[in-house]
Amino acid sequence: MSVNFCLASGKWSKTDVVGCGFDPPTSLEIQTAIPLGTLGHIYEQQIPRKALVNCLSVFEQSSYDCKPEIERFRTFFTLMQSKAVLCVNFIPCNPEQLQTIHVMRLQEKQDPKTVPVYCHGGILKYILPVQNADYVFELSKERVSNTLQVIMPGLRPIIEKALGYFLKDKQAKGVAVTFNSKSETTLTCIWLK
């Protein structure tokens, strides 16, 4: 069984107008939906589940510890092993720097360029696949294990492992994860450092 996913890379506009994506900047109001394709480059990939696990085992090797963005690969490869994870969004420390900002599990025949995402401004600049997060956790104020109570029990070990990698990611201030829930709605949680 294969996992279809896309990675979008981009950066926030340097203008004072709230927006995200490459130049020319998209003028947006806060929380206005835009197509994912306007954020920058999108890379689509179909990877067999076994290959995904193999990629993660390679990235987990200590020889990769000093290489840039490895903790980000470790974070999203860990999360994307679970079908319950729909999207992973990284909240950047420096939003004007080009980086991986969105990882999404693709549905059959879904064009990721047309998927609506929401740009959020303010002090932290980030995108989400939903207008508002359900939960926001400050890891500087609470333990990772205490934030996992809202997550399905079977997912907790995966999320805890991924958050361990995220905490070592020097380019990310936060990570948002959107899950499938039992009632066919989504649950979005944000963890901030």
C-alpha atoms as a PDB file:
ATOM      1  CA  MET A   1       0.000   0.000   0.000  1.00  0.00           C
ATOM      2  CA  SER A   2       1.325   3.411  -0.984  1.00  0.00           C
ATOM      3  CA  VAL A   3       1.104   6.760   0.736  1.00  0.00           C
ATOM      4  CA  ASN A   4       0.326   9.671  -1.554  1.00  0.00           C
ATOM      5  CA  PHE A   5       1.472  12.964  -0.146  1.00  0.00           C
ATOM      6  CA  CYS A   6       2.643  16.388  -1.160  1.00  0.00           C
ATOM      7  CA  LEU A   7       5.150  18.782   0.314  1.00  0.00           C
ATOM      8  CA  ALA A   8       4.734  22.508  -0.259  1.00  0.00           C
ATOM      9  CA  SER A   9       7.666  24.830   0.275  1.00  0.00           C
ATOM     10  CA  GLY A  10       7.413  28.574   0.437  1.00  0.00           C
ATOM     11  CA  LYS A  11       7.969  31.698   2.477  1.00  0.00           C
ATOM     12  CA  TRP A  12       5.945  34.572   3.833  1.00  0.00           C
ATOM     13  CA  SER A  13       5.847  37.825   1.901  1.00  0.00           C
ATOM     14  CA  LYS A  14       8.251  40.532   3.119  1.00  0.00           C
ATOM     15  CA  THR A  15       5.564  43.173   2.679  1.00  0.00           C
ATOM     16  CA  ASP A  16       3.504  44.487   5.592  1.00  0.00           C
ATOM     17  CA  VAL A  17       0.380  43.037   4.017  1.00  0.00           C
ATOM     18  CA  VAL A  18      -0.641  39.739   5.558  1.00  0.00           C
ATOM     19  CA  GLY A  19       0.045  37.085   2.974  1.00  0.00           C
ATOM     20  CA  CYS A  20       2.040  34.023   2.198  1.00  0.00           C
ATOM     21  CA  GLY A  21       3.749  32.549  -0.810  1.00  0.00           C
ATOM     22  CA  PHE A  22       6.376  33.574  -3.310  1.00  0.00           C
ATOM     23  CA  ASP A  23       6.621  36.925  -5.057  1.00  0.00           C
ATOM     24  CA  PRO A  24       4.445  38.472  -6.205  1.00  0.00           C
ATOM     25  CA  PRO A  25       2.877  38.410  -2.740  1.00  0.00           C
ATOM     26  CA  THR A  26      -0.758  37.520  -2.418  1.00  0.00           C
ATOM     27  CA  SER A  27      -2.698  40.208  -0.578  1.00  0.00           C
ATOM     28  CA  LEU A  28      -4.879  38.517   1.996  1.00  0.00           C
ATOM     29  CA  GLU A  29      -6.917  39.263   5.018  1.00  0.00           C
ATOM     30  CA  ILE A  30      -6.173  37.077   8.020  1.00  0.00           C
ATOM     31  CA  GLN A  31      -7.779  33.649   7.715  1.00  0.00           C
ATOM     32  CA  THR A  32      -8.757  33.976   4.067  1.00  0.00           C
ATOM     33  CA  ALA A  33      -8.648  30.684   2.169  1.00  0.00           C
ATOM     34  CA  ILE A  34      -6.272  30.513  -0.787  1.00  0.00           C
ATOM     35  CA  PRO A  35      -5.249  27.585  -3.022  1.00  0.00           C
ATOM     36  CA  LEU A  36      -2.227  25.673  -1.762  1.00  0.00           C
ATOM     37  CA  GLY A  37      -0.652  26.135  -5.205  1.00  0.00           C
ATOM     38  CA  THR A  38      -0.075  29.848  -4.531  1.00  0.00           C
ATOM     39  CA  LEU A  39       2.308  29.118  -1.642  1.00  0.00           C
ATOM     40  CA  GLY A  40       5.251  28.084  -3.788  1.00  0.00           C
ATOM     41  CA  HIS A  41       6.658  24.812  -5.031  1.00  0.00           C
ATOM     42  CA  ILE A  42       4.618  21.652  -4.547  1.00  0.00           C
ATOM     43  CA  TYR A  43       6.262  18.256  -4.711  1.00  0.00           C
ATOM     44  CA  GLU A  44       3.971  15.227  -5.028  1.00  0.00           C
ATOM     45  CA  GLN A  45       5.169  11.733  -4.188  1.00  0.00           C
ATOM     46  CA  GLN A  46       3.729   8.256  -3.939  1.00  0.00           C
ATOM     47  CA  ILE A  47       5.750   6.118  -1.575  1.00  0.00           C
ATOM     48  CA  PRO A  48       5.029   2.515  -0.564  1.00  0.00           C
ATOM     49  CA  ARG A  49       4.468   2.303   3.189  1.00  0.00           C
ATOM     50  CA  LYS A  50       7.494   0.015   3.555  1.00  0.00           C
ATOM     51  CA  ALA A  51       9.668   2.627   1.803  1.00  0.00           C
ATOM     52  CA  LEU A  52       8.320   5.335   4.120  1.00  0.00           C
ATOM     53  CA  VAL A  53       9.392   3.279   7.141  1.00  0.00           C
ATOM     54  CA  ASN A  54      12.791   2.649   5.509  1.00  0.00           C
ATOM     55  CA  CYS A  55      13.260   6.394   4.843  1.00  0.00           C
ATOM     56  CA  LEU A  56      12.516   7.138   8.462  1.00  0.00           C
ATOM     57  CA  SER A  57      14.998   4.523   9.683  1.00  0.00           C
ATOM     58  CA  VAL A  58      17.694   6.119   7.496  1.00  0.00           C
ATOM     59  CA  PHE A  59      16.909   9.617   8.770  1.00  0.00           C
ATOM     60  CA  GLU A  60      16.937   8.362  12.356  1.00  0.00           C
ATOM     61  CA  GLN A  61      20.622   7.412  12.046  1.00  0.00           C
ATOM     62  CA  SER A  62      22.889   9.612  14.137  1.00  0.00           C
ATOM     63  CA  SER A  63      25.065  10.412  11.102  1.00  0.00           C
ATOM     64  CA  TYR A  64      22.293  12.785   9.992  1.00  0.00           C
ATOM     65  CA  ASP A  65      22.081  14.673  13.294  1.00  0.00           C
ATOM     66  CA  CYS A  66      23.981  17.810  12.196  1.00  0.00           C
ATOM     67  CA  LYS A  67      22.393  18.179   8.769  1.00  0.00           C
ATOM     68  CA  PRO A  68      19.861  20.986   8.194  1.00  0.00           C
ATOM     69  CA  GLU A  69      16.142  20.161   8.229  1.00  0.00           C
ATOM     70  CA  ILE A  70      16.665  16.518   9.227  1.00  0.00           C
ATOM     71  CA  GLU A  71      14.452  16.956  12.294  1.00  0.00           C
ATOM     72  CA  ARG A  72      11.702  18.175   9.967  1.00  0.00           C
ATOM     73  CA  PHE A  73      12.007  15.026   7.820  1.00  0.00           C
ATOM     74  CA  ARG A  74      11.975  12.931  10.970  1.00  0.00           C
ATOM     75  CA  THR A  75       8.900  14.779  12.223  1.00  0.00           C
ATOM     76  CA  PHE A  76       6.721  14.422   9.151  1.00  0.00           C
ATOM     77  CA  PHE A  77       7.848  10.913   8.150  1.00  0.00           C
ATOM     78  CA  THR A  78       6.971   9.783  11.679  1.00  0.00           C
ATOM     79  CA  LEU A  79       3.558  11.465  11.504  1.00  0.00           C
ATOM     80  CA  MET A  80       2.672  10.382   7.958  1.00  0.00           C
ATOM     81  CA  GLN A  81       2.985   6.698   8.889  1.00  0.00           C
ATOM     82  CA  SER A  82      -0.493   6.985  10.406  1.00  0.00           C
ATOM     83  CA  LYS A  83      -3.505   7.225   8.098  1.00  0.00           C
ATOM     84  CA  ALA A  84      -5.184   9.358  10.761  1.00  0.00           C
ATOM     85  CA  VAL A  85      -2.765  12.223   9.998  1.00  0.00           C
ATOM     86  CA  LEU A  86      -4.034  14.396   7.145  1.00  0.00           C
ATOM     87  CA  CYS A  87      -1.690  17.395   7.269  1.00  0.00           C
ATOM     88  CA  VAL A  88       1.411  18.654   9.001  1.00  0.00           C
ATOM     89  CA  ASN A  89       2.141  22.380   8.973  1.00  0.00           C
ATOM     90  CA  PHE A  90       5.327  23.945  10.306  1.00  0.00           C
ATOM     91  CA  ILE A  91       5.209  27.365  11.959  1.00  0.00           C
ATOM     92  CA  PRO A  92       8.532  28.974  11.069  1.00  0.00           C
ATOM     93  CA  CYS A  93      10.892  30.877  13.350  1.00  0.00           C
ATOM     94  CA  ASN A  94      11.740  33.052  10.346  1.00  0.00           C
ATOM     95  CA  PRO A  95       8.691  33.153   8.041  1.00  0.00           C
ATOM     96  CA  GLU A  96      10.631  34.951   5.298  1.00  0.00           C
ATOM     97  CA  GLN A  97      12.993  32.006   4.840  1.00  0.00           C
ATOM     98  CA  LEU A  98      12.188  29.354   2.205  1.00  0.00           C
ATOM     99  CA  GLN A  99      11.191  26.139   3.958  1.00  0.00           C
ATOM    100  CA  THR A 100       8.846  23.170   4.012  1.00  0.00           C
ATOM    101  CA  ILE A 101       5.619  24.633   5.290  1.00  0.00           C
ATOM    102  CA  HIS A 102       2.948  22.049   4.550  1.00  0.00           C
ATOM    103  CA  VAL A 103       2.820  18.271   4.202  1.00  0.00           C
ATOM    104  CA  MET A 104      -0.475  16.738   3.140  1.00  0.00           C
ATOM    105  CA  ARG A 105      -1.790  13.216   2.580  1.00  0.00           C
ATOM    106  CA  LEU A 106      -3.490  13.200  -0.832  1.00  0.00           C
ATOM    107  CA  GLN A 107      -6.868  11.640  -1.489  1.00  0.00           C
ATOM    108  CA  GLU A 108      -7.461   9.758  -4.740  1.00  0.00           C
ATOM    109  CA  LYS A 109      -7.281  12.083  -7.777  1.00  0.00           C
ATOM    110  CA  GLN A 110      -6.873  15.144  -5.517  1.00  0.00           C
ATOM    111  CA  ASP A 111      -5.021  18.099  -6.993  1.00  0.00           C
ATOM    112  CA  PRO A 112      -3.047  19.615  -4.098  1.00  0.00           C
ATOM    113  CA  LYS A 113      -2.642  22.925  -5.915  1.00  0.00           C
ATOM    114  CA  THR A 114      -6.365  23.605  -5.556  1.00  0.00           C
ATOM    115  CA  VAL A 115      -6.738  22.601  -1.882  1.00  0.00           C
ATOM    116  CA  PRO A 116      -7.749  25.639   0.210  1.00  0.00           C
ATOM    117  CA  VAL A 117      -5.491  26.666   3.068  1.00  0.00           C
ATOM    118  CA  TYR A 118      -5.726  29.566   5.501  1.00  0.00           C
ATOM    119  CA  CYS A 119      -2.957  32.091   6.098  1.00  0.00           C
ATOM    120  CA  HIS A 120      -2.615  33.335   9.656  1.00  0.00           C
ATOM    121  CA  GLY A 121      -0.708  36.516  10.459  1.00  0.00           C
ATOM    122  CA  GLY A 122       0.351  38.271  13.618  1.00  0.00           C
ATOM    123  CA  ILE A 123       3.560  37.478  15.476  1.00  0.00           C
ATOM    124  CA  LEU A 124       3.588  33.897  14.185  1.00  0.00           C
ATOM    125  CA  LYS A 125       2.937  33.514  10.480  1.00  0.00           C
ATOM    126  CA  TYR A 126       1.669  30.113   9.403  1.00  0.00           C
ATOM    127  CA  ILE A 127      -0.894  28.254   7.322  1.00  0.00           C
ATOM    128  CA  LEU A 128      -3.520  25.688   8.268  1.00  0.00           C
ATOM    129  CA  PRO A 129      -5.910  23.521   6.245  1.00  0.00           C
ATOM    130  CA  VAL A 130      -8.699  24.775   8.543  1.00  0.00           C
ATOM    131  CA  GLN A 131      -9.702  28.264   9.589  1.00  0.00           C
ATOM    132  CA  ASN A 132      -9.009  27.725  13.294  1.00  0.00           C
ATOM    133  CA  ALA A 133      -7.102  25.176  15.341  1.00  0.00           C
ATOM    134  CA  ASP A 134      -9.024  23.141  17.901  1.00  0.00           C
ATOM    135  CA  TYR A 135      -6.178  23.177  20.445  1.00  0.00           C
ATOM    136  CA  VAL A 136      -3.004  25.224  20.929  1.00  0.00           C
ATOM    137  CA  PHE A 137      -0.391  23.895  23.350  1.00  0.00           C
ATOM    138  CA  GLU A 138       2.601  25.843  24.709  1.00  0.00           C
ATOM    139  CA  LEU A 139       5.347  23.283  25.284  1.00  0.00           C
ATOM    140  CA  SER A 140       7.297  25.845  27.293  1.00  0.00           C
ATOM    141  CA  LYS A 141       4.465  25.703  29.862  1.00  0.00           C
ATOM    142  CA  GLU A 142       3.308  22.083  29.761  1.00  0.00           C
ATOM    143  CA  ARG A 143       4.722  18.616  29.219  1.00  0.00           C
ATOM    144  CA  VAL A 144       4.265  16.854  25.885  1.00  0.00           C
ATOM    145  CA  SER A 145       2.503  13.943  27.581  1.00  0.00           C
ATOM    146  CA  ASN A 146      -0.125  16.282  29.059  1.00  0.00           C
ATOM    147  CA  THR A 147      -1.002  17.649  25.604  1.00  0.00           C
ATOM    148  CA  LEU A 148      -1.770  14.199  24.182  1.00  0.00           C
ATOM    149  CA  GLN A 149      -5.013  13.653  26.106  1.00  0.00           C
ATOM    150  CA  VAL A 150      -7.085  14.978  23.165  1.00  0.00           C
ATOM    151  CA  ILE A 151      -5.415  12.533  20.738  1.00  0.00           C
ATOM    152  CA  MET A 152      -6.727   9.022  20.110  1.00  0.00           C
ATOM    153  CA  PRO A 153      -4.809   6.614  22.378  1.00  0.00           C
ATOM    154  CA  GLY A 154      -3.326   4.594  19.495  1.00  0.00           C
ATOM    155  CA  LEU A 155      -1.797   7.745  18.003  1.00  0.00           C
ATOM    156  CA  ARG A 156      -0.145   9.048  21.168  1.00  0.00           C
ATOM    157  CA  PRO A 157       3.213   7.184  20.813  1.00  0.00           C
ATOM    158  CA  ILE A 158       3.614   8.430  17.213  1.00  0.00           C
ATOM    159  CA  ILE A 159       2.762  12.017  18.150  1.00  0.00           C
ATOM    160  CA  GLU A 160       5.070  11.955  21.164  1.00  0.00           C
ATOM    161  CA  LYS A 161       7.965  10.647  19.047  1.00  0.00           C
ATOM    162  CA  ALA A 162       7.319  13.249  16.328  1.00  0.00           C
ATOM    163  CA  LEU A 163       7.154  16.072  18.878  1.00  0.00           C
ATOM    164  CA  GLY A 164      10.532  14.955  20.227  1.00  0.00           C
ATOM    165  CA  TYR A 165      11.996  15.535  16.756  1.00  0.00           C
ATOM    166  CA  PHE A 166      10.098  18.806  16.354  1.00  0.00           C
ATOM    167  CA  LEU A 167      11.604  20.189  19.576  1.00  0.00           C
ATOM    168  CA  LYS A 168      15.078  19.792  18.005  1.00  0.00           C
ATOM    169  CA  ASP A 169      14.061  21.572  14.770  1.00  0.00           C
ATOM    170  CA  LYS A 170      15.786  24.957  14.943  1.00  0.00           C
ATOM    171  CA  GLN A 171      13.797  26.431  12.043  1.00  0.00           C
ATOM    172  CA  ALA A 172      10.325  25.746  13.433  1.00  0.00           C
ATOM    173  CA  LYS A 173       8.565  27.639  16.208  1.00  0.00           C
ATOM    174  CA  GLY A 174       5.541  25.377  16.069  1.00  0.00           C
ATOM    175  CA  VAL A 175       3.942  22.424  14.352  1.00  0.00           C
ATOM    176  CA  ALA A 176       0.262  21.934  13.539  1.00  0.00           C
ATOM    177  CA  VAL A 177      -1.188  18.494  12.882  1.00  0.00           C
ATOM    178  CA  THR A 178      -4.618  17.852  11.392  1.00  0.00           C
ATOM    179  CA  PHE A 179      -6.163  14.451  12.109  1.00  0.00           C
ATOM    180  CA  ASN A 180      -9.145  12.490  10.854  1.00  0.00           C
ATOM    181  CA  SER A 181     -11.574  11.943  13.667  1.00  0.00           C
ATOM    182  CA  LYS A 182     -14.158   9.181  14.130  1.00  0.00           C
ATOM    183  CA  SER A 183     -17.019  11.490  13.161  1.00  0.00           C
ATOM    184  CA  GLU A 184     -15.499  12.305   9.728  1.00  0.00           C
ATOM    185  CA  THR A 185     -14.561  15.770  10.896  1.00  0.00           C
ATOM    186  CA  THR A 186     -11.012  16.933  11.490  1.00  0.00           C
ATOM    187  CA  LEU A 187      -9.096  17.816  14.615  1.00  0.00           C
ATOM    188  CA  THR A 188      -6.224  20.324  14.382  1.00  0.00           C
ATOM    189  CA  CYS A 189      -3.696  20.755  17.175  1.00  0.00           C
ATOM    190  CA  ILE A 190      -0.838  23.252  17.315  1.00  0.00           C
ATOM    191  CA  TRP A 191       2.231  22.710  19.482  1.00  0.00           C
ATOM    192  CA  LEU A 192       4.436  25.779  20.081  1.00  0.00           C
ATOM    193  CA  LYS A 193       7.932  25.791  21.567  1.00  0.00           C
END
